[in-house]
PDB file of N, CA and C in Angstrom:
ATOM      1  N   MET A   1     -19.684  16.770 -36.866  1.00  0.00           N
ATOM      2  CA  MET A   1     -18.089  17.066 -36.015  1.00  0.00           C
ATOM      3  C   MET A   1     -17.869  18.456 -36.084  1.00  0.00           C
ATOM      4  N   THR A   2     -17.825  18.974 -34.564  1.00  0.00           N
ATOM      5  CA  THR A   2     -17.464  20.618 -34.575  1.00  0.00           C
ATOM      6  C   THR A   2     -16.229  21.277 -35.200  1.00  0.00           C
ATOM      7  N   ASN A   3     -16.527  22.317 -35.565  1.00  0.00           N
ATOM      8  CA  ASN A   3     -15.000  22.833 -36.255  1.00  0.00           C
ATOM      9  C   ASN A   3     -14.583  23.609 -34.993  1.00  0.00           C
ATOM     10  N   ILE A   4     -13.447  23.753 -34.601  1.00  0.00           N
ATOM     11  CA  ILE A   4     -12.919  24.796 -33.698  1.00  0.00           C
ATOM     12  C   ILE A   4     -12.309  25.852 -34.607  1.00  0.00           C
ATOM     13  N   PRO A   5     -12.537  26.960 -34.425  1.00  0.00           N
ATOM     14  CA  PRO A   5     -11.735  27.743 -35.152  1.00  0.00           C
ATOM     15  C   PRO A   5     -10.153  27.872 -34.876  1.00  0.00           C
ATOM     16  N   LEU A   6      -9.362  28.314 -35.861  1.00  0.00           N
ATOM     17  CA  LEU A   6      -7.698  28.292 -35.393  1.00  0.00           C
ATOM     18  C   LEU A   6      -7.470  29.771 -35.056  1.00  0.00           C
ATOM     19  N   THR A   7      -7.882  29.710 -33.835  1.00  0.00           N
ATOM     20  CA  THR A   7      -7.600  31.228 -33.212  1.00  0.00           C
ATOM     21  C   THR A   7      -6.695  30.808 -31.846  1.00  0.00           C
ATOM     22  N   PRO A   8      -6.242  31.390 -31.143  1.00  0.00           N
ATOM     23  CA  PRO A   8      -5.446  31.427 -30.029  1.00  0.00           C
ATOM     24  C   PRO A   8      -6.573  30.730 -29.006  1.00  0.00           C
ATOM     25  N   PHE A   9      -7.430  31.181 -28.842  1.00  0.00           N
ATOM     26  CA  PHE A   9      -8.657  30.718 -27.880  1.00  0.00           C
ATOM     27  C   PHE A   9      -8.985  29.147 -28.460  1.00  0.00           C
ATOM     28  N   GLY A  10      -9.238  29.163 -29.737  1.00  0.00           N
ATOM     29  CA  GLY A  10      -9.295  27.837 -30.391  1.00  0.00           C
ATOM     30  C   GLY A  10      -8.406  26.790 -29.870  1.00  0.00           C
ATOM     31  N   ILE A  11      -7.019  26.966 -29.948  1.00  0.00           N
ATOM     32  CA  ILE A  11      -6.069  26.467 -29.814  1.00  0.00           C
ATOM     33  C   ILE A  11      -5.817  25.978 -28.296  1.00  0.00           C
ATOM     34  N   VAL A  12      -6.311  26.957 -27.470  1.00  0.00           N
ATOM     35  CA  VAL A  12      -6.099  26.574 -26.120  1.00  0.00           C
ATOM     36  C   VAL A  12      -7.367  25.568 -25.675  1.00  0.00           C
ATOM     37  N   GLY A  13      -8.376  25.710 -26.394  1.00  0.00           N
ATOM     38  CA  GLY A  13      -9.448  25.009 -26.177  1.00  0.00           C
ATOM     39  C   GLY A  13      -9.089  23.498 -26.314  1.00  0.00           C
ATOM     40  N   LEU A  14      -8.493  23.197 -27.192  1.00  0.00           N
ATOM     41  CA  LEU A  14      -8.045  21.944 -27.567  1.00  0.00           C
ATOM     42  C   LEU A  14      -6.914  21.322 -26.374  1.00  0.00           C
ATOM     43  N   GLN A  15      -6.455  21.978 -25.562  1.00  0.00           N
ATOM     44  CA  GLN A  15      -5.499  21.260 -24.952  1.00  0.00           C
ATOM     45  C   GLN A  15      -6.298  20.414 -23.706  1.00  0.00           C
ATOM     46  N   LYS A  16      -7.388  20.791 -23.225  1.00  0.00           N
ATOM     47  CA  LYS A  16      -7.695  19.949 -22.519  1.00  0.00           C
ATOM     48  C   LYS A  16      -9.192  19.319 -23.106  1.00  0.00           C
ATOM     49  N   ILE A  17      -9.723  18.288 -23.552  1.00  0.00           N
ATOM     50  CA  ILE A  17     -10.814  18.059 -24.170  1.00  0.00           C
ATOM     51  C   ILE A  17     -12.225  17.928 -23.055  1.00  0.00           C
ATOM     52  N   TYR A  18     -11.549  17.222 -21.842  1.00  0.00           N
ATOM     53  CA  TYR A  18     -12.733  16.647 -20.968  1.00  0.00           C
ATOM     54  C   TYR A  18     -12.331  16.292 -19.534  1.00  0.00           C
ATOM     55  N   SER A  19     -12.766  16.494 -18.897  1.00  0.00           N
ATOM     56  CA  SER A  19     -12.370  15.704 -17.226  1.00  0.00           C
ATOM     57  C   SER A  19     -13.282  15.116 -16.508  1.00  0.00           C
ATOM     58  N   HIS A  20     -13.211  14.113 -15.731  1.00  0.00           N
ATOM     59  CA  HIS A  20     -13.875  13.322 -14.993  1.00  0.00           C
ATOM     60  C   HIS A  20     -13.463  13.092 -13.937  1.00  0.00           C
ATOM     61  N   LYS A  21     -14.219  13.155 -12.851  1.00  0.00           N
ATOM     62  CA  LYS A  21     -13.706  12.931 -11.403  1.00  0.00           C
ATOM     63  C   LYS A  21     -14.349  11.723 -10.685  1.00  0.00           C
ATOM     64  N   PHE A  22     -13.968  11.022  -9.934  1.00  0.00           N
ATOM     65  CA  PHE A  22     -14.528   9.610  -9.313  1.00  0.00           C
ATOM     66  C   PHE A  22     -13.777   9.175  -8.199  1.00  0.00           C
ATOM     67  N   GLU A  23     -14.092   8.887  -7.316  1.00  0.00           N
ATOM     68  CA  GLU A  23     -13.250   8.357  -6.044  1.00  0.00           C
ATOM     69  C   GLU A  23     -12.872   6.732  -5.986  1.00  0.00           C
ATOM     70  N   TYR A  24     -11.758   6.677  -5.737  1.00  0.00           N
ATOM     71  CA  TYR A  24     -11.359   4.949  -5.488  1.00  0.00           C
ATOM     72  C   TYR A  24     -10.657   4.823  -4.115  1.00  0.00           C
ATOM     73  N   ARG A  25     -11.194   4.109  -3.194  1.00  0.00           N
ATOM     74  CA  ARG A  25     -10.585   3.737  -2.154  1.00  0.00           C
ATOM     75  C   ARG A  25     -10.060   4.954  -0.980  1.00  0.00           C
ATOM     76  N   LEU A  26     -11.110   6.129  -1.178  1.00  0.00           N
ATOM     77  CA  LEU A  26     -10.615   7.092  -0.292  1.00  0.00           C
ATOM     78  C   LEU A  26      -9.871   8.338  -1.002  1.00  0.00           C
ATOM     79  N   HIS A  27      -9.433   8.038  -2.319  1.00  0.00           N
ATOM     80  CA  HIS A  27      -8.651   8.855  -2.767  1.00  0.00           C
ATOM     81  C   HIS A  27      -9.720   9.504  -4.249  1.00  0.00           C
ATOM     82  N   LYS A  28      -9.379  10.902  -4.490  1.00  0.00           N
ATOM     83  CA  LYS A  28     -10.257  11.475  -5.456  1.00  0.00           C
ATOM     84  C   LYS A  28      -9.068  11.289  -6.721  1.00  0.00           C
ATOM     85  N   VAL A  29      -9.582  10.944  -7.774  1.00  0.00           N
ATOM     86  CA  VAL A  29      -8.902  10.707  -9.214  1.00  0.00           C
ATOM     87  C   VAL A  29      -9.681  11.576 -10.038  1.00  0.00           C
ATOM     88  N   GLU A  30      -9.075  12.446 -10.974  1.00  0.00           N
ATOM     89  CA  GLU A  30      -9.316  13.229 -11.935  1.00  0.00           C
ATOM     90  C   GLU A  30      -8.778  12.791 -13.358  1.00  0.00           C
ATOM     91  N   LEU A  31      -9.756  12.544 -14.166  1.00  0.00           N
ATOM     92  CA  LEU A  31      -9.419  11.951 -15.334  1.00  0.00           C
ATOM     93  C   LEU A  31      -9.532  12.793 -16.238  1.00  0.00           C
ATOM     94  N   THR A  32      -8.201  13.119 -16.845  1.00  0.00           N
ATOM     95  CA  THR A  32      -8.668  14.156 -18.137  1.00  0.00           C
ATOM     96  C   THR A  32      -7.846  13.745 -19.450  1.00  0.00           C
ATOM     97  N   VAL A  33      -8.413  13.998 -20.407  1.00  0.00           N
ATOM     98  CA  VAL A  33      -8.131  13.639 -21.889  1.00  0.00           C
ATOM     99  C   VAL A  33      -7.595  14.850 -22.691  1.00  0.00           C
ATOM    100  N   HIS A  34      -6.506  14.591 -22.665  1.00  0.00           N
ATOM    101  CA  HIS A  34      -5.424  15.936 -23.518  1.00  0.00           C
ATOM    102  C   HIS A  34      -5.619  15.852 -24.828  1.00  0.00           C
ATOM    103  N   LYS A  35      -5.280  16.837 -25.687  1.00  0.00           N
ATOM    104  CA  LYS A  35      -4.822  16.853 -27.212  1.00  0.00           C
ATOM    105  C   LYS A  35      -4.237  15.514 -27.568  1.00  0.00           C
ATOM    106  N   MET A  36      -4.436  15.023 -28.592  1.00  0.00           N
ATOM    107  CA  MET A  36      -3.662  13.816 -29.282  1.00  0.00           C
ATOM    108  C   MET A  36      -3.890  12.844 -28.442  1.00  0.00           C
ATOM    109  N   GLY A  37      -5.234  12.584 -27.729  1.00  0.00           N
ATOM    110  CA  GLY A  37      -5.515  11.285 -26.971  1.00  0.00           C
ATOM    111  C   GLY A  37      -4.815  10.984 -25.555  1.00  0.00           C
ATOM    112  N   GLU A  38      -3.843  11.610 -25.389  1.00  0.00           N
ATOM    113  CA  GLU A  38      -3.256  11.486 -24.179  1.00  0.00           C
ATOM    114  C   GLU A  38      -4.189  11.782 -22.912  1.00  0.00           C
ATOM    115  N   VAL A  39      -4.141  11.061 -21.854  1.00  0.00           N
ATOM    116  CA  VAL A  39      -5.072  10.613 -20.770  1.00  0.00           C
ATOM    117  C   VAL A  39      -4.220  10.936 -19.900  1.00  0.00           C
ATOM    118  N   THR A  40      -4.346  11.567 -18.616  1.00  0.00           N
ATOM    119  CA  THR A  40      -3.746  11.708 -17.366  1.00  0.00           C
ATOM    120  C   THR A  40      -4.905  11.188 -16.461  1.00  0.00           C
ATOM    121  N   ALA A  41      -4.583  10.692 -15.115  1.00  0.00           N
ATOM    122  CA  ALA A  41      -5.242  10.446 -14.080  1.00  0.00           C
ATOM    123  C   ALA A  41      -4.644  11.250 -12.885  1.00  0.00           C
ATOM    124  N   THR A  42      -4.962  12.004 -12.502  1.00  0.00           N
ATOM    125  CA  THR A  42      -4.436  12.913 -11.139  1.00  0.00           C
ATOM    126  C   THR A  42      -5.068  12.105 -10.016  1.00  0.00           C
ATOM    127  N   ILE A  43      -4.420  11.752  -8.854  1.00  0.00           N
ATOM    128  CA  ILE A  43      -4.550  11.275  -7.525  1.00  0.00           C
ATOM    129  C   ILE A  43      -4.631  12.429  -6.634  1.00  0.00           C
ATOM    130  N   TYR A  44      -5.505  12.695  -5.892  1.00  0.00           N
ATOM    131  CA  TYR A  44      -5.483  13.482  -4.840  1.00  0.00           C
ATOM    132  C   TYR A  44      -5.587  12.744  -3.502  1.00  0.00           C
ATOM    133  N   ASP A  45      -4.882  13.083  -2.621  1.00  0.00           N
ATOM    134  CA  ASP A  45      -5.413  12.785  -0.916  1.00  0.00           C
ATOM    135  C   ASP A  45      -5.479  13.981  -0.542  1.00  0.00           C
ATOM    136  N   GLY A  46      -6.931  14.045  -0.432  1.00  0.00           N
ATOM    137  CA  GLY A  46      -7.737  15.385  -0.066  1.00  0.00           C
ATOM    138  C   GLY A  46      -7.268  16.305  -0.771  1.00  0.00           C
ATOM    139  N   ASP A  47      -6.723  17.752  -0.791  1.00  0.00           N
ATOM    140  CA  ASP A  47      -6.499  18.637  -1.856  1.00  0.00           C
ATOM    141  C   ASP A  47      -5.309  18.737  -2.531  1.00  0.00           C
ATOM    142  N   ARG A  48      -4.427  17.785  -2.166  1.00  0.00           N
ATOM    143  CA  ARG A  48      -2.662  17.446  -2.473  1.00  0.00           C
ATOM    144  C   ARG A  48      -2.896  16.348  -3.269  1.00  0.00           C
ATOM    145  N   VAL A  49      -1.901  17.044  -4.461  1.00  0.00           N
ATOM    146  CA  VAL A  49      -1.653  15.783  -5.583  1.00  0.00           C
ATOM    147  C   VAL A  49      -0.548  15.066  -5.173  1.00  0.00           C
ATOM    148  N   VAL A  50      -0.969  13.855  -5.012  1.00  0.00           N
ATOM    149  CA  VAL A  50       0.205  12.758  -4.921  1.00  0.00           C
ATOM    150  C   VAL A  50       0.713  11.768  -6.007  1.00  0.00           C
ATOM    151  N   PHE A  51      -0.014  11.837  -7.048  1.00  0.00           N
ATOM    152  CA  PHE A  51       0.433  10.979  -8.268  1.00  0.00           C
ATOM    153  C   PHE A  51      -0.331  11.256  -9.403  1.00  0.00           C
ATOM    154  N   VAL A  52       0.481  11.299 -10.504  1.00  0.00           N
ATOM    155  CA  VAL A  52      -0.145  11.713 -12.019  1.00  0.00           C
ATOM    156  C   VAL A  52       0.061  10.266 -12.390  1.00  0.00           C
ATOM    157  N   ALA A  53      -0.928   9.212 -13.070  1.00  0.00           N
ATOM    158  CA  ALA A  53      -0.537   8.462 -14.211  1.00  0.00           C
ATOM    159  C   ALA A  53      -1.191   8.830 -15.483  1.00  0.00           C
ATOM    160  N   HIS A  54      -0.281   8.128 -16.243  1.00  0.00           N
ATOM    161  CA  HIS A  54      -0.248   8.564 -17.865  1.00  0.00           C
ATOM    162  C   HIS A  54      -0.793   7.580 -18.343  1.00  0.00           C
ATOM    163  N   GLY A  55      -1.932   7.538 -19.659  1.00  0.00           N
ATOM    164  CA  GLY A  55      -1.933   6.280 -20.540  1.00  0.00           C
ATOM    165  C   GLY A  55      -2.327   6.924 -22.009  1.00  0.00           C
ATOM    166  N   HIS A  56      -2.419   5.949 -22.607  1.00  0.00           N
ATOM    167  CA  HIS A  56      -2.933   6.219 -24.218  1.00  0.00           C
ATOM    168  C   HIS A  56      -4.466   6.220 -24.347  1.00  0.00           C
ATOM    169  N   ASP A  57      -5.107   5.665 -23.487  1.00  0.00           N
ATOM    170  CA  ASP A  57      -6.739   6.041 -23.249  1.00  0.00           C
ATOM    171  C   ASP A  57      -6.868   5.987 -22.159  1.00  0.00           C
ATOM    172  N   ASP A  58      -8.225   6.206 -21.551  1.00  0.00           N
ATOM    173  CA  ASP A  58      -8.772   6.563 -20.257  1.00  0.00           C
ATOM    174  C   ASP A  58      -8.747   4.944 -19.522  1.00  0.00           C
ATOM    175  N   ASP A  59      -8.810   3.836 -20.171  1.00  0.00           N
ATOM    176  CA  ASP A  59      -8.851   2.508 -19.682  1.00  0.00           C
ATOM    177  C   ASP A  59      -7.366   2.460 -19.202  1.00  0.00           C
ATOM    178  N   GLN A  60      -6.324   2.514 -19.913  1.00  0.00           N
ATOM    179  CA  GLN A  60      -4.927   2.386 -19.295  1.00  0.00           C
ATOM    180  C   GLN A  60      -4.566   3.500 -18.147  1.00  0.00           C
ATOM    181  N   ALA A  61      -4.987   4.692 -18.588  1.00  0.00           N
ATOM    182  CA  ALA A  61      -4.862   5.758 -17.025  1.00  0.00           C
ATOM    183  C   ALA A  61      -5.183   5.457 -15.810  1.00  0.00           C
ATOM    184  N   ILE A  62      -6.676   4.586 -15.857  1.00  0.00           N
ATOM    185  CA  ILE A  62      -7.515   4.457 -14.862  1.00  0.00           C
ATOM    186  C   ILE A  62      -6.699   3.389 -14.044  1.00  0.00           C
ATOM    187  N   ARG A  63      -6.322   2.261 -14.919  1.00  0.00           N
ATOM    188  CA  ARG A  63      -5.805   0.974 -14.469  1.00  0.00           C
ATOM    189  C   ARG A  63      -4.356   1.198 -13.605  1.00  0.00           C
ATOM    190  N   ALA A  64      -3.575   2.331 -14.249  1.00  0.00           N
ATOM    191  CA  ALA A  64      -2.587   2.684 -13.513  1.00  0.00           C
ATOM    192  C   ALA A  64      -2.391   3.581 -12.308  1.00  0.00           C
ATOM    193  N   ALA A  65      -3.691   4.320 -12.264  1.00  0.00           N
ATOM    194  CA  ALA A  65      -4.088   4.913 -11.055  1.00  0.00           C
ATOM    195  C   ALA A  65      -4.570   4.011 -10.111  1.00  0.00           C
ATOM    196  N   ARG A  66      -5.493   2.801 -10.327  1.00  0.00           N
ATOM    197  CA  ARG A  66      -5.864   2.259  -9.252  1.00  0.00           C
ATOM    198  C   ARG A  66      -4.680   1.060  -8.666  1.00  0.00           C
ATOM    199  N   ALA A  67      -3.838   0.964  -9.649  1.00  0.00           N
ATOM    200  CA  ALA A  67      -2.483   0.065  -9.179  1.00  0.00           C
ATOM    201  C   ALA A  67      -1.753   0.652  -8.293  1.00  0.00           C
ATOM    202  N   TRP A  68      -1.474   2.070  -8.498  1.00  0.00           N
ATOM    203  CA  TRP A  68      -0.917   2.965  -7.843  1.00  0.00           C
ATOM    204  C   TRP A  68      -1.621   3.007  -6.681  1.00  0.00           C
ATOM    205  N   ILE A  69      -2.604   3.251  -6.236  1.00  0.00           N
ATOM    206  CA  ILE A  69      -3.445   3.083  -4.978  1.00  0.00           C
ATOM    207  C   ILE A  69      -3.163   1.937  -4.284  1.00  0.00           C
ATOM    208  N   ASP A  70      -3.454   0.682  -4.998  1.00  0.00           N
ATOM    209  CA  ASP A  70      -3.867  -0.274  -4.315  1.00  0.00           C
ATOM    210  C   ASP A  70      -2.249  -0.816  -3.860  1.00  0.00           C
ATOM    211  N   GLU A  71      -1.233  -0.529  -4.526  1.00  0.00           N
ATOM    212  CA  GLU A  71       0.048  -0.847  -3.959  1.00  0.00           C
ATOM    213  C   GLU A  71       0.264  -0.065  -2.446  1.00  0.00           C
ATOM    214  N   ARG A  72      -0.228   1.310  -2.455  1.00  0.00           N
ATOM    215  CA  ARG A  72      -0.162   1.835  -1.365  1.00  0.00           C
ATOM    216  C   ARG A  72      -0.748   1.639  -0.332  1.00  0.00           C
ATOM    217  N   ASP A  73      -1.977   0.919  -0.582  1.00  0.00           N
ATOM    218  CA  ASP A  73      -3.143   0.154   0.583  1.00  0.00           C
ATOM    219  C   ASP A  73      -2.733  -0.567   1.211  1.00  0.00           C
ATOM    220  N   GLU A  74      -1.752  -1.504   0.381  1.00  0.00           N
ATOM    221  CA  GLU A  74      -1.924  -3.069   0.851  1.00  0.00           C
ATOM    222  C   GLU A  74      -1.519  -3.086   2.421  1.00  0.00           C
ATOM    223  N   VAL A  75      -1.902  -4.037   3.230  1.00  0.00           N
ATOM    224  CA  VAL A  75      -1.764  -3.958   4.495  1.00  0.00           C
ATOM    225  C   VAL A  75      -0.677  -4.834   4.628  1.00  0.00           C
ATOM    226  N   THR A  76       0.713  -4.442   5.725  1.00  0.00           N
ATOM    227  CA  THR A  76       1.523  -5.396   6.031  1.00  0.00           C
ATOM    228  C   THR A  76       1.305  -6.417   6.898  1.00  0.00           C
ATOM    229  N   SER A  77       1.764  -7.539   6.907  1.00  0.00           N
ATOM    230  CA  SER A  77       1.651  -8.545   7.661  1.00  0.00           C
ATOM    231  C   SER A  77       1.072  -8.457   9.095  1.00  0.00           C
ATOM    232  N   GLU A  78       2.543  -7.463   9.293  1.00  0.00           N
ATOM    233  CA  GLU A  78       2.511  -7.079  10.593  1.00  0.00           C
ATOM    234  C   GLU A  78       1.250  -6.203  11.661  1.00  0.00           C
ATOM    235  N   TYR A  79       0.674  -5.286  10.346  1.00  0.00           N
ATOM    236  CA  TYR A  79      -0.724  -4.811  10.953  1.00  0.00           C
ATOM    237  C   TYR A  79      -1.844  -5.900  10.607  1.00  0.00           C
ATOM    238  N   ASP A  80      -1.649  -6.644   9.749  1.00  0.00           N
ATOM    239  CA  ASP A  80      -2.724  -7.528   9.173  1.00  0.00           C
ATOM    240  C   ASP A  80      -3.653  -8.218  10.422  1.00  0.00           C
ATOM    241  N   LEU A  81      -4.977  -8.160  10.702  1.00  0.00           N
ATOM    242  CA  LEU A  81      -5.427  -8.727  11.823  1.00  0.00           C
ATOM    243  C   LEU A  81      -5.935 -10.060  11.271  1.00  0.00           C
ATOM    244  N   HIS A  82      -5.845 -10.596   9.927  1.00  0.00           N
ATOM    245  CA  HIS A  82      -6.565 -11.569   9.320  1.00  0.00           C
ATOM    246  C   HIS A  82      -5.093 -12.653   9.269  1.00  0.00           C
ATOM    247  N   HIS A  83      -3.956 -12.032   9.457  1.00  0.00           N
ATOM    248  CA  HIS A  83      -3.004 -12.671   8.837  1.00  0.00           C
ATOM    249  C   HIS A  83      -2.469 -13.790  10.129  1.00  0.00           C
ATOM    250  N   ALA A  84      -2.247 -14.930   9.503  1.00  0.00           N
ATOM    251  CA  ALA A  84      -1.931 -15.939  10.847  1.00  0.00           C
ATOM    252  C   ALA A  84      -0.602 -16.020  11.186  1.00  0.00           C
ATOM    253  N   ALA A  85      -0.239 -15.736  12.678  1.00  0.00           N
ATOM    254  CA  ALA A  85       1.062 -15.556  13.093  1.00  0.00           C
ATOM    255  C   ALA A  85       1.903 -16.593  13.322  1.00  0.00           C
TER     256      ALA A  85
END
């Protein structure tokens, strides 16, 4: 285990442990693990942040981000070409 010195620089280093980016349904999602294990999934539409999902672990944050994107990507029956009229 790596020992991080208790200096102001070391404390700042603990604020953001790691970051991972991926795409889901044309949205960029940046997954960030913060101190104390809190995880955020920041959702971008282009360069603009549109939502930030939170979780206790990366799976929970990813599920929340995907659910938010899925809700907005649902096609209403009015525009659904496969919907029986």
